[in-house]
PDB file of N, CA and C in Angstrom:
ATOM      1  N   MET A   1      93.469 109.943  88.674  1.00  0.00           N
ATOM      2  CA  MET A   1      93.629 108.837  88.212  1.00  0.00           C
ATOM      3  C   MET A   1      93.186 108.271  87.168  1.00  0.00           C
ATOM      4  N   GLU A   2      93.570 107.832  86.120  1.00  0.00           N
ATOM      5  CA  GLU A   2      92.628 107.203  85.047  1.00  0.00           C
ATOM      6  C   GLU A   2      93.237 105.647  84.491  1.00  0.00           C
ATOM      7  N   GLU A   3      92.376 104.893  84.055  1.00  0.00           N
ATOM      8  CA  GLU A   3      92.375 103.393  84.032  1.00  0.00           C
ATOM      9  C   GLU A   3      93.466 103.373  82.877  1.00  0.00           C
ATOM     10  N   CYS A   4      94.195 102.063  83.076  1.00  0.00           N
ATOM     11  CA  CYS A   4      94.709 101.828  82.106  1.00  0.00           C
ATOM     12  C   CYS A   4      95.132 100.007  81.959  1.00  0.00           C
ATOM     13  N   PRO A   5      95.571  99.447  81.381  1.00  0.00           N
ATOM     14  CA  PRO A   5      95.841  97.930  81.300  1.00  0.00           C
ATOM     15  C   PRO A   5      96.624  97.364  82.648  1.00  0.00           C
ATOM     16  N   SER A   6      96.025  96.200  83.286  1.00  0.00           N
ATOM     17  CA  SER A   6      97.061  95.628  84.180  1.00  0.00           C
ATOM     18  C   SER A   6      97.243  94.371  84.352  1.00  0.00           C
ATOM     19  N   LEU A   7      98.395  93.665  84.542  1.00  0.00           N
ATOM     20  CA  LEU A   7      97.832  92.271  84.948  1.00  0.00           C
ATOM     21  C   LEU A   7      97.418  91.350  85.861  1.00  0.00           C
ATOM     22  N   TRP A   8      96.992  90.459  85.822  1.00  0.00           N
ATOM     23  CA  TRP A   8      95.888  89.517  86.989  1.00  0.00           C
ATOM     24  C   TRP A   8      96.843  88.287  86.982  1.00  0.00           C
ATOM     25  N   ARG A   9      97.409  87.980  87.787  1.00  0.00           N
ATOM     26  CA  ARG A   9      98.052  86.737  88.231  1.00  0.00           C
ATOM     27  C   ARG A   9      97.240  85.673  88.351  1.00  0.00           C
ATOM     28  N   GLY A  10      97.570  84.998  87.032  1.00  0.00           N
ATOM     29  CA  GLY A  10      96.603  83.965  86.830  1.00  0.00           C
ATOM     30  C   GLY A  10      95.519  83.704  85.692  1.00  0.00           C
ATOM     31  N   ILE A  11      95.289  85.154  85.326  1.00  0.00           N
ATOM     32  CA  ILE A  11      94.649  85.464  84.129  1.00  0.00           C
ATOM     33  C   ILE A  11      95.324  86.040  82.796  1.00  0.00           C
ATOM     34  N   GLY A  12      96.130  87.461  83.417  1.00  0.00           N
ATOM     35  CA  GLY A  12      96.779  87.442  82.081  1.00  0.00           C
ATOM     36  C   GLY A  12      96.880  89.334  82.145  1.00  0.00           C
ATOM     37  N   ARG A  13      96.693  90.081  81.300  1.00  0.00           N
ATOM     38  CA  ARG A  13      96.773  91.443  80.665  1.00  0.00           C
ATOM     39  C   ARG A  13      95.046  91.862  80.662  1.00  0.00           C
ATOM     40  N   ILE A  14      94.744  92.593  81.158  1.00  0.00           N
ATOM     41  CA  ILE A  14      93.525  93.089  81.392  1.00  0.00           C
ATOM     42  C   ILE A  14      92.869  94.775  81.003  1.00  0.00           C
ATOM     43  N   ARG A  15      92.473  94.913  79.966  1.00  0.00           N
ATOM     44  CA  ARG A  15      92.206  96.305  79.580  1.00  0.00           C
ATOM     45  C   ARG A  15      91.468  97.079  80.940  1.00  0.00           C
ATOM     46  N   LYS A  16      92.215  98.119  80.548  1.00  0.00           N
ATOM     47  CA  LYS A  16      91.131  99.183  82.035  1.00  0.00           C
ATOM     48  C   LYS A  16      90.861  98.396  82.923  1.00  0.00           C
ATOM     49  N   SER A  17      91.725  97.660  83.781  1.00  0.00           N
ATOM     50  CA  SER A  17      91.273  96.851  84.805  1.00  0.00           C
ATOM     51  C   SER A  17      92.357  97.667  85.861  1.00  0.00           C
ATOM     52  N   GLY A  18      93.450  98.269  85.641  1.00  0.00           N
ATOM     53  CA  GLY A  18      94.210  98.885  86.967  1.00  0.00           C
ATOM     54  C   GLY A  18      94.047 100.397  86.654  1.00  0.00           C
ATOM     55  N   LEU A  19      94.313 101.104  87.853  1.00  0.00           N
ATOM     56  CA  LEU A  19      94.631 102.677  87.535  1.00  0.00           C
ATOM     57  C   LEU A  19      96.190 103.223  87.381  1.00  0.00           C
ATOM     58  N   LYS A  20      96.273 104.186  86.622  1.00  0.00           N
ATOM     59  CA  LYS A  20      97.807 105.120  87.169  1.00  0.00           C
ATOM     60  C   LYS A  20      97.523 106.532  87.284  1.00  0.00           C
ATOM     61  N   ILE A  21      98.513 106.969  87.519  1.00  0.00           N
ATOM     62  CA  ILE A  21      98.189 108.373  87.526  1.00  0.00           C
ATOM     63  C   ILE A  21      98.461 109.679  86.740  1.00  0.00           C
ATOM     64  N   ARG A  22      97.244 110.692  86.986  1.00  0.00           N
ATOM     65  CA  ARG A  22      97.021 110.743  85.184  1.00  0.00           C
ATOM     66  C   ARG A  22      98.388 112.101  85.020  1.00  0.00           C
ATOM     67  N   ARG A  23      98.904 112.138  83.939  1.00  0.00           N
ATOM     68  CA  ARG A  23      99.960 112.649  83.508  1.00  0.00           C
ATOM     69  C   ARG A  23     100.304 114.198  84.055  1.00  0.00           C
ATOM     70  N   ALA A  24      99.189 114.959  84.188  1.00  0.00           N
ATOM     71  CA  ALA A  24      99.092 116.254  85.145  1.00  0.00           C
ATOM     72  C   ALA A  24     100.235 116.099  86.760  1.00  0.00           C
ATOM     73  N   PHE A  25      99.847 114.701  87.190  1.00  0.00           N
ATOM     74  CA  PHE A  25     100.411 114.483  88.315  1.00  0.00           C
ATOM     75  C   PHE A  25     100.991 113.803  88.280  1.00  0.00           C
ATOM     76  N   ALA A  26     102.183 114.033  87.173  1.00  0.00           N
ATOM     77  CA  ALA A  26     103.089 112.886  87.414  1.00  0.00           C
ATOM     78  C   ALA A  26     104.271 113.068  88.607  1.00  0.00           C
ATOM     79  N   GLY A  27     104.434 114.359  88.453  1.00  0.00           N
ATOM     80  CA  GLY A  27     105.650 114.697  89.602  1.00  0.00           C
ATOM     81  C   GLY A  27     104.907 114.157  91.194  1.00  0.00           C
ATOM     82  N   PHE A  28     104.237 113.660  90.635  1.00  0.00           N
ATOM     83  CA  PHE A  28     103.514 112.918  92.605  1.00  0.00           C
ATOM     84  C   PHE A  28     103.684 111.099  92.348  1.00  0.00           C
ATOM     85  N   ASP A  29     104.206 110.820  90.738  1.00  0.00           N
ATOM     86  CA  ASP A  29     104.078 109.383  90.823  1.00  0.00           C
ATOM     87  C   ASP A  29     105.722 108.641  90.726  1.00  0.00           C
ATOM     88  N   ALA A  30     105.188 108.224  92.025  1.00  0.00           N
ATOM     89  CA  ALA A  30     106.980 107.480  92.554  1.00  0.00           C
ATOM     90  C   ALA A  30     107.124 106.057  91.623  1.00  0.00           C
ATOM     91  N   GLU A  31     106.316 105.463  90.842  1.00  0.00           N
ATOM     92  CA  GLU A  31     106.988 104.821  89.734  1.00  0.00           C
ATOM     93  C   GLU A  31     107.397 105.559  88.750  1.00  0.00           C
ATOM     94  N   LEU A  32     107.601 106.906  88.460  1.00  0.00           N
ATOM     95  CA  LEU A  32     108.522 107.131  87.015  1.00  0.00           C
ATOM     96  C   LEU A  32     109.448 107.597  88.203  1.00  0.00           C
ATOM     97  N   LYS A  33     109.188 108.472  89.415  1.00  0.00           N
ATOM     98  CA  LYS A  33     110.717 108.538  90.221  1.00  0.00           C
ATOM     99  C   LYS A  33     111.440 108.103  90.490  1.00  0.00           C
ATOM    100  N   PHE A  34     110.909 106.849  90.466  1.00  0.00           N
ATOM    101  CA  PHE A  34     112.080 105.829  91.407  1.00  0.00           C
ATOM    102  C   PHE A  34     112.782 104.741  90.127  1.00  0.00           C
ATOM    103  N   ARG A  35     111.497 104.275  89.213  1.00  0.00           N
ATOM    104  CA  ARG A  35     111.717 103.586  88.146  1.00  0.00           C
ATOM    105  C   ARG A  35     111.950 101.786  88.679  1.00  0.00           C
ATOM    106  N   PRO A  36     111.161 101.833  89.720  1.00  0.00           N
ATOM    107  CA  PRO A  36     111.112  99.865  90.118  1.00  0.00           C
ATOM    108  C   PRO A  36     111.404  99.178  89.043  1.00  0.00           C
ATOM    109  N   ARG A  37     111.981  97.995  89.432  1.00  0.00           N
ATOM    110  CA  ARG A  37     112.458  96.743  88.909  1.00  0.00           C
ATOM    111  C   ARG A  37     111.324  95.992  89.065  1.00  0.00           C
ATOM    112  N   ILE A  38     110.624  95.701  88.705  1.00  0.00           N
ATOM    113  CA  ILE A  38     109.148  95.030  88.890  1.00  0.00           C
ATOM    114  C   ILE A  38     109.142  93.432  88.179  1.00  0.00           C
ATOM    115  N   SER A  39     109.854  92.353  88.686  1.00  0.00           N
ATOM    116  CA  SER A  39     109.710  91.127  87.996  1.00  0.00           C
ATOM    117  C   SER A  39     108.244  90.267  87.989  1.00  0.00           C
ATOM    118  N   ARG A  40     107.813  89.887  86.480  1.00  0.00           N
ATOM    119  CA  ARG A  40     106.522  89.005  87.191  1.00  0.00           C
ATOM    120  C   ARG A  40     106.644  88.053  87.628  1.00  0.00           C
ATOM    121  N   PRO A  41     105.158  87.603  88.364  1.00  0.00           N
ATOM    122  CA  PRO A  41     105.391  86.465  89.000  1.00  0.00           C
ATOM    123  C   PRO A  41     105.892  85.169  88.455  1.00  0.00           C
ATOM    124  N   LYS A  42     106.363  84.041  88.962  1.00  0.00           N
ATOM    125  CA  LYS A  42     106.629  83.057  87.926  1.00  0.00           C
ATOM    126  C   LYS A  42     105.443  81.998  88.702  1.00  0.00           C
ATOM    127  N   GLU A  43     104.753  81.659  87.644  1.00  0.00           N
ATOM    128  CA  GLU A  43     103.359  81.128  88.045  1.00  0.00           C
ATOM    129  C   GLU A  43     103.543  79.408  87.450  1.00  0.00           C
ATOM    130  N   ASN A  44     103.633  78.514  88.552  1.00  0.00           N
ATOM    131  CA  ASN A  44     103.626  76.951  87.786  1.00  0.00           C
ATOM    132  C   ASN A  44     102.821  76.987  87.144  1.00  0.00           C
ATOM    133  N   LYS A  45     103.108  76.087  86.317  1.00  0.00           N
ATOM    134  CA  LYS A  45     102.287  75.293  84.593  1.00  0.00           C
ATOM    135  C   LYS A  45     101.112  74.636  85.087  1.00  0.00           C
ATOM    136  N   ALA A  46     100.949  73.923  86.198  1.00  0.00           N
ATOM    137  CA  ALA A  46     100.166  73.089  86.763  1.00  0.00           C
ATOM    138  C   ALA A  46      98.857  73.889  87.487  1.00  0.00           C
ATOM    139  N   CYS A  47      99.336  75.077  87.794  1.00  0.00           N
ATOM    140  CA  CYS A  47      98.178  75.787  88.471  1.00  0.00           C
ATOM    141  C   CYS A  47      97.438  76.173  87.770  1.00  0.00           C
ATOM    142  N   ILE A  48      95.773  76.018  88.097  1.00  0.00           N
ATOM    143  CA  ILE A  48      94.483  76.112  87.446  1.00  0.00           C
ATOM    144  C   ILE A  48      94.304  77.489  87.617  1.00  0.00           C
ATOM    145  N   CYS A  49      94.299  78.278  88.437  1.00  0.00           N
ATOM    146  CA  CYS A  49      94.319  79.713  89.493  1.00  0.00           C
ATOM    147  C   CYS A  49      93.092  80.236  88.193  1.00  0.00           C
ATOM    148  N   GLY A  50      93.699  80.836  87.213  1.00  0.00           N
ATOM    149  CA  GLY A  50      93.074  81.396  86.369  1.00  0.00           C
ATOM    150  C   GLY A  50      91.818  81.152  86.028  1.00  0.00           C
ATOM    151  N   ASP A  51      91.138  79.520  85.662  1.00  0.00           N
ATOM    152  CA  ASP A  51      90.358  78.550  85.410  1.00  0.00           C
ATOM    153  C   ASP A  51      89.626  79.344  86.693  1.00  0.00           C
ATOM    154  N   VAL A  52      89.993  78.767  87.944  1.00  0.00           N
ATOM    155  CA  VAL A  52      89.155  78.725  89.117  1.00  0.00           C
ATOM    156  C   VAL A  52      88.809  80.428  89.193  1.00  0.00           C
ATOM    157  N   ILE A  53      89.768  81.237  88.752  1.00  0.00           N
ATOM    158  CA  ILE A  53      89.145  82.494  89.318  1.00  0.00           C
ATOM    159  C   ILE A  53      88.000  82.774  87.979  1.00  0.00           C
ATOM    160  N   LYS A  54      88.233  82.680  87.027  1.00  0.00           N
ATOM    161  CA  LYS A  54      86.807  82.676  85.877  1.00  0.00           C
ATOM    162  C   LYS A  54      85.898  82.326  86.557  1.00  0.00           C
ATOM    163  N   GLY A  55      85.889  80.977  87.183  1.00  0.00           N
ATOM    164  CA  GLY A  55      84.066  80.272  87.631  1.00  0.00           C
ATOM    165  C   GLY A  55      84.355  78.363  86.958  1.00  0.00           C
ATOM    166  N   VAL A  56      85.256  78.658  85.615  1.00  0.00           N
ATOM    167  CA  VAL A  56      85.490  77.567  84.715  1.00  0.00           C
ATOM    168  C   VAL A  56      86.020  76.022  85.119  1.00  0.00           C
ATOM    169  N   LYS A  57      86.661  76.395  86.224  1.00  0.00           N
ATOM    170  CA  LYS A  57      87.150  74.760  86.965  1.00  0.00           C
ATOM    171  C   LYS A  57      87.043  75.344  88.256  1.00  0.00           C
ATOM    172  N   THR A  58      86.741  74.187  89.413  1.00  0.00           N
ATOM    173  CA  THR A  58      86.805  74.069  90.986  1.00  0.00           C
ATOM    174  C   THR A  58      88.079  74.415  91.295  1.00  0.00           C
ATOM    175  N   PRO A  59      88.752  74.349  92.584  1.00  0.00           N
ATOM    176  CA  PRO A  59      89.798  74.061  93.490  1.00  0.00           C
ATOM    177  C   PRO A  59      89.973  72.720  92.935  1.00  0.00           C
ATOM    178  N   LEU A  60      89.362  71.555  93.535  1.00  0.00           N
ATOM    179  CA  LEU A  60      89.397  70.241  93.426  1.00  0.00           C
ATOM    180  C   LEU A  60      89.293  69.968  92.451  1.00  0.00           C
ATOM    181  N   GLU A  61      89.512  70.460  91.438  1.00  0.00           N
ATOM    182  CA  GLU A  61      89.647  70.049  90.235  1.00  0.00           C
ATOM    183  C   GLU A  61      91.346  70.031  89.605  1.00  0.00           C
ATOM    184  N   CYS A  62      92.481  71.085  90.937  1.00  0.00           N
ATOM    185  CA  CYS A  62      93.503  71.148  90.341  1.00  0.00           C
ATOM    186  C   CYS A  62      94.094  70.332  91.458  1.00  0.00           C
ATOM    187  N   LYS A  63      95.393  69.386  90.090  1.00  0.00           N
ATOM    188  CA  LYS A  63      96.253  68.914  90.789  1.00  0.00           C
ATOM    189  C   LYS A  63      96.593  68.903  91.686  1.00  0.00           C
ATOM    190  N   LEU A  64      97.431  70.257  92.155  1.00  0.00           N
ATOM    191  CA  LEU A  64      98.147  71.380  93.031  1.00  0.00           C
ATOM    192  C   LEU A  64      97.307  71.175  94.613  1.00  0.00           C
ATOM    193  N   PHE A  65      96.070  71.146  94.182  1.00  0.00           N
ATOM    194  CA  PHE A  65      95.077  71.720  95.358  1.00  0.00           C
ATOM    195  C   PHE A  65      95.507  70.609  96.569  1.00  0.00           C
ATOM    196  N   ALA A  66      96.053  71.373  97.760  1.00  0.00           N
ATOM    197  CA  ALA A  66      96.028  70.519  99.016  1.00  0.00           C
ATOM    198  C   ALA A  66      97.172  69.383  99.324  1.00  0.00           C
ATOM    199  N   LYS A  67      98.081  70.156  98.264  1.00  0.00           N
ATOM    200  CA  LYS A  67      99.225  68.864  98.373  1.00  0.00           C
ATOM    201  C   LYS A  67     100.316  69.542  98.024  1.00  0.00           C
ATOM    202  N   LEU A  68     100.721  70.395  96.496  1.00  0.00           N
ATOM    203  CA  LEU A  68     102.148  71.153  96.817  1.00  0.00           C
ATOM    204  C   LEU A  68     101.125  72.915  97.053  1.00  0.00           C
ATOM    205  N   CYS A  69      99.684  73.052  96.974  1.00  0.00           N
ATOM    206  CA  CYS A  69      99.549  74.399  97.029  1.00  0.00           C
ATOM    207  C   CYS A  69      98.576  74.256  98.094  1.00  0.00           C
ATOM    208  N   LYS A  70      99.334  74.983  99.020  1.00  0.00           N
ATOM    209  CA  LYS A  70      99.080  75.125 100.349  1.00  0.00           C
ATOM    210  C   LYS A  70      98.161  76.454 100.820  1.00  0.00           C
ATOM    211  N   PRO A  71      97.835  76.855 101.890  1.00  0.00           N
ATOM    212  CA  PRO A  71      98.360  78.296 102.740  1.00  0.00           C
ATOM    213  C   PRO A  71      99.428  78.837 102.949  1.00  0.00           C
ATOM    214  N   GLU A  72     100.388  77.734 103.492  1.00  0.00           N
ATOM    215  CA  GLU A  72     101.012  77.989 104.090  1.00  0.00           C
ATOM    216  C   GLU A  72     102.393  78.493 102.384  1.00  0.00           C
ATOM    217  N   SER A  73     101.860  77.419 101.227  1.00  0.00           N
ATOM    218  CA  SER A  73     102.980  77.678 100.331  1.00  0.00           C
ATOM    219  C   SER A  73     102.405  78.041  99.219  1.00  0.00           C
ATOM    220  N   PRO A  74     101.622  78.817  98.654  1.00  0.00           N
ATOM    221  CA  PRO A  74     100.185  78.647  97.589  1.00  0.00           C
ATOM    222  C   PRO A  74     101.053  78.711  95.874  1.00  0.00           C
ATOM    223  N   ALA A  75     100.318  78.123  95.237  1.00  0.00           N
ATOM    224  CA  ALA A  75     101.291  78.020  93.910  1.00  0.00           C
ATOM    225  C   ALA A  75     100.814  79.096  93.265  1.00  0.00           C
ATOM    226  N   GLY A  76      99.566  79.470  93.616  1.00  0.00           N
ATOM    227  CA  GLY A  76      98.929  80.794  92.597  1.00  0.00           C
ATOM    228  C   GLY A  76      97.726  81.357  93.415  1.00  0.00           C
ATOM    229  N   ALA A  77      97.691  82.715  92.757  1.00  0.00           N
ATOM    230  CA  ALA A  77      96.504  83.841  93.488  1.00  0.00           C
ATOM    231  C   ALA A  77      95.776  82.973  93.802  1.00  0.00           C
ATOM    232  N   CYS A  78      94.929  82.054  93.647  1.00  0.00           N
ATOM    233  CA  CYS A  78      94.086  81.358  94.531  1.00  0.00           C
ATOM    234  C   CYS A  78      94.343  80.953  95.788  1.00  0.00           C
ATOM    235  N   MET A  79      95.407  80.982  96.059  1.00  0.00           N
ATOM    236  CA  MET A  79      95.695  80.314  97.916  1.00  0.00           C
ATOM    237  C   MET A  79      96.510  80.957  98.592  1.00  0.00           C
ATOM    238  N   VAL A  80      96.093  82.737  98.002  1.00  0.00           N
ATOM    239  CA  VAL A  80      97.413  83.297  98.781  1.00  0.00           C
ATOM    240  C   VAL A  80      96.726  83.661  99.931  1.00  0.00           C
ATOM    241  N   SER A  81      95.485  84.083 100.484  1.00  0.00           N
ATOM    242  CA  SER A  81      95.551  84.324 101.420  1.00  0.00           C
ATOM    243  C   SER A  81      93.740  83.272 101.863  1.00  0.00           C
ATOM    244  N   GLY A  82      93.604  83.062 103.166  1.00  0.00           N
ATOM    245  CA  GLY A  82      92.199  82.751 103.648  1.00  0.00           C
ATOM    246  C   GLY A  82      91.043  82.912 103.203  1.00  0.00           C
ATOM    247  N   GLU A  83      90.870  84.148 102.915  1.00  0.00           N
ATOM    248  CA  GLU A  83      89.422  84.046 102.089  1.00  0.00           C
ATOM    249  C   GLU A  83      89.429  84.205 100.387  1.00  0.00           C
ATOM    250  N   ASP A  84      90.752  83.881  99.927  1.00  0.00           N
ATOM    251  CA  ASP A  84      90.948  83.292  98.510  1.00  0.00           C
ATOM    252  C   ASP A  84      90.046  82.423  98.256  1.00  0.00           C
ATOM    253  N   VAL A  85      89.872  81.732  96.777  1.00  0.00           N
ATOM    254  CA  VAL A  85      88.713  80.466  96.518  1.00  0.00           C
ATOM    255  C   VAL A  85      89.449  79.375  97.117  1.00  0.00           C
ATOM    256  N   CYS A  86      90.353  79.132  96.745  1.00  0.00           N
ATOM    257  CA  CYS A  86      91.170  78.083  97.730  1.00  0.00           C
ATOM    258  C   CYS A  86      91.199  77.850  99.003  1.00  0.00           C
ATOM    259  N   GLY A  87      91.731  78.584  99.300  1.00  0.00           N
ATOM    260  CA  GLY A  87      91.971  79.103 101.090  1.00  0.00           C
ATOM    261  C   GLY A  87      91.094  78.625 102.017  1.00  0.00           C
ATOM    262  N   VAL A  88      89.511  78.893 101.452  1.00  0.00           N
ATOM    263  CA  VAL A  88      88.280  78.676 102.092  1.00  0.00           C
ATOM    264  C   VAL A  88      87.707  77.140 102.205  1.00  0.00           C
ATOM    265  N   LEU A  89      88.096  75.963 101.636  1.00  0.00           N
ATOM    266  CA  LEU A  89      87.870  75.101 101.166  1.00  0.00           C
ATOM    267  C   LEU A  89      88.953  74.275 102.235  1.00  0.00           C
TER     268      LEU A  89
END
């Protein structure tokens, strides 16, 4: 494996934050073999998950928290599971 840029939901692209298969092992890379079409996740413009994840804001400052954004219907990455920042409140 080697480092590569990666997209992080709510934050964006971060250099060297992901891993990819080295060129020497490209024959084992399913992404190269099958060429899947992966669409970017749709972000709700009102969601402040990026700021919550970075520690700039708290979940309680989000207009969507516990209204539109709930564990059953998350609007952003912070509420995706019970262990995420918003999911524990």
